[in-house]
C-alpha cells in the first residue's frame, strides 16, 4: 500500500511580470491532516513573497489572510513529530492544529517554549 501524498504549489509574479514557482510542498501521512500542513506552508510562502515585493496570482491571495498561529508546545519543549502525534491522539489538537504543527516542524521552525516561572506554577 502506498502512503498518501498531499501537495501544493505557489506561483508568483516578479516585477517584470514573469510567473515563478515560489514554493512546491509535499506532505505524506494523513491526507485529512496533511491538507492543513500544505495550507500552512503555502501561507508562509505567500507572506514571504509579498514581503519581497512580488505579487500573487488572484486565486492564491486568500493565503495571506490565514492565521498561521499554532498552539504552544508544553513548557520547556519544542514540537516534534512524536509529541504532536501524541497530543493529536489524546484529542488535545484539532486536525488543523496538528497539520500546522507538522508543517512548522518540517520547515525547521519549531522552537522551545520558554515558559516563565509564573506560567509553570499555574498562573494566568
Protein backbone atom coordinates (compact mmCIF):
# COMPACT_ATOMS: atom_id res chain seq x y z
CA UNK A 1 0.00 0.00 0.00
CA UNK A 2 1.37 3.41 -0.96
CA UNK A 3 1.29 6.26 1.56
CA UNK A 4 -0.97 9.19 0.74
CA UNK A 5 0.72 12.32 -0.57
CA UNK A 6 -0.69 15.84 -0.37
CA UNK A 7 0.97 18.55 -2.44
CA UNK A 8 0.68 22.22 -3.21
CA UNK A 9 2.42 24.84 -5.33
CA UNK A 10 2.56 28.60 -5.15
CA UNK A 11 3.41 30.74 -8.14
CA UNK A 12 4.00 34.47 -8.01
CA UNK A 13 4.77 37.24 -10.47
CA UNK A 14 8.05 39.10 -10.24
CA UNK A 15 8.45 42.79 -11.01
CA UNK A 16 8.80 42.01 -14.72
CA UNK A 17 5.55 40.02 -14.78
CA UNK A 18 7.23 36.61 -15.05
CA UNK A 19 5.39 33.68 -13.44
CA UNK A 20 7.75 31.98 -11.00
CA UNK A 21 7.34 28.91 -8.79
CA UNK A 22 7.81 30.18 -5.24
CA UNK A 23 7.08 27.01 -3.29
CA UNK A 24 6.42 23.37 -4.01
CA UNK A 25 5.41 21.42 -0.89
CA UNK A 26 4.55 17.81 -0.19
CA UNK A 27 3.41 16.05 2.96
CA UNK A 28 2.99 12.31 3.34
CA UNK A 29 0.81 10.77 6.01
CA UNK A 30 -2.81 11.50 6.82
CA UNK A 31 -4.47 13.41 3.96
CA UNK A 32 -7.02 14.96 6.33
CA UNK A 33 -4.16 16.47 8.35
CA UNK A 34 -1.66 17.00 5.53
CA UNK A 35 -4.02 19.33 3.66
CA UNK A 36 -3.59 21.73 6.58
CA UNK A 37 0.19 21.26 6.54
CA UNK A 38 0.16 22.28 2.86
CA UNK A 39 -2.07 25.28 3.64
CA UNK A 40 0.29 26.41 6.43
CA UNK A 41 3.43 26.07 4.29
CA UNK A 42 1.87 27.86 1.32
CA UNK A 43 0.56 30.66 3.54
CA UNK A 44 4.02 31.29 4.98
CA UNK A 45 5.44 31.20 1.46
CA UNK A 46 2.81 33.66 0.17
CA UNK A 47 3.54 36.09 3.00
CA UNK A 48 7.26 35.87 2.26
CA UNK A 49 6.68 36.50 -1.45
CA UNK A 50 4.66 39.64 -0.68
CA UNK A 51 7.33 40.92 1.74
CA UNK A 52 9.83 40.65 -1.11
CA UNK A 53 7.66 42.91 -3.26
CA UNK A 54 6.18 40.31 -5.60
CA UNK A 55 2.51 39.67 -6.31
CA UNK A 56 0.41 36.54 -6.03
CA UNK A 57 -1.94 35.09 -8.55
CA UNK A 58 -5.51 36.13 -7.64
CA UNK A 59 -6.66 32.63 -6.68
CA UNK A 60 -3.87 32.35 -4.08
CA UNK A 61 -4.39 35.71 -2.34
CA UNK A 62 -6.56 34.00 0.30
CA UNK A 63 -3.33 32.54 1.72
CA UNK A 64 -2.38 35.98 3.03
CA UNK A 65 -5.37 36.06 5.39
CA UNK A 66 -4.67 32.70 7.04
CA UNK A 67 -3.75 32.84 10.71
CA UNK A 68 -0.71 30.55 10.98
CA UNK A 69 -0.53 30.74 14.76
CA UNK A 70 -0.02 27.33 16.34
CA UNK A 71 -0.58 26.21 19.94
CA UNK A 72 2.49 26.41 22.14
CA UNK A 73 4.33 23.23 22.96
CA UNK A 74 4.39 22.27 26.65
CA UNK A 75 6.75 24.35 28.80
CA UNK A 76 10.40 23.57 28.17
CA UNK A 77 9.70 21.58 25.00
CA UNK A 78 9.51 22.23 21.29
CA UNK A 79 7.12 20.49 18.97
CA UNK A 80 8.45 17.32 17.38
CA UNK A 81 6.53 14.70 15.43
CA UNK A 82 6.13 12.30 18.36
CA UNK A 83 4.85 14.96 20.77
CA UNK A 84 2.43 16.39 18.19
CA UNK A 85 1.15 12.93 17.27
CA UNK A 86 0.56 12.06 20.93
CA UNK A 87 -1.28 15.33 21.60
CA UNK A 88 -3.41 14.80 18.49
CA UNK A 89 -4.28 11.23 19.53
CA UNK A 90 -5.25 12.49 23.01
CA UNK A 91 -7.63 14.97 21.38
CA UNK A 92 -5.64 18.00 22.54
CA UNK A 93 -5.12 19.18 18.93
CA UNK A 94 -7.55 19.55 16.05
CA UNK A 95 -6.65 18.20 12.60
CA UNK A 96 -5.86 21.74 11.51
CA UNK A 97 -3.61 22.45 14.52
CA UNK A 98 -1.85 19.12 14.05
CA UNK A 99 -1.30 19.79 10.34
CA UNK A 100 0.05 23.28 11.04
CA UNK A 101 2.40 21.89 13.69
CA UNK A 102 3.64 19.15 11.32
CA UNK A 103 4.47 21.79 8.70
CA UNK A 104 6.09 24.03 11.33
CA UNK A 105 8.33 21.14 12.40
CA UNK A 106 9.17 20.10 8.82
CA UNK A 107 10.04 23.70 7.91
CA UNK A 108 12.51 23.82 10.81
CA UNK A 109 10.53 26.49 12.69
CA UNK A 110 9.83 24.62 15.94
CA UNK A 111 11.28 26.36 18.99
CA UNK A 112 11.40 25.56 22.69
CA UNK A 113 8.51 27.07 24.64
CA UNK A 114 10.33 29.07 27.30
CA UNK A 115 7.56 29.46 29.86
CA UNK A 116 8.01 31.92 32.69
CA UNK A 117 8.16 30.55 36.24
CA UNK A 118 4.74 32.14 36.78
CA UNK A 119 3.26 30.11 33.90
CA UNK A 120 4.93 26.93 35.10
CA UNK A 121 3.46 27.48 38.58
CA UNK A 122 -0.03 27.56 37.07
CA UNK A 123 -0.56 31.33 36.93
CA UNK A 124 -2.68 33.09 34.36
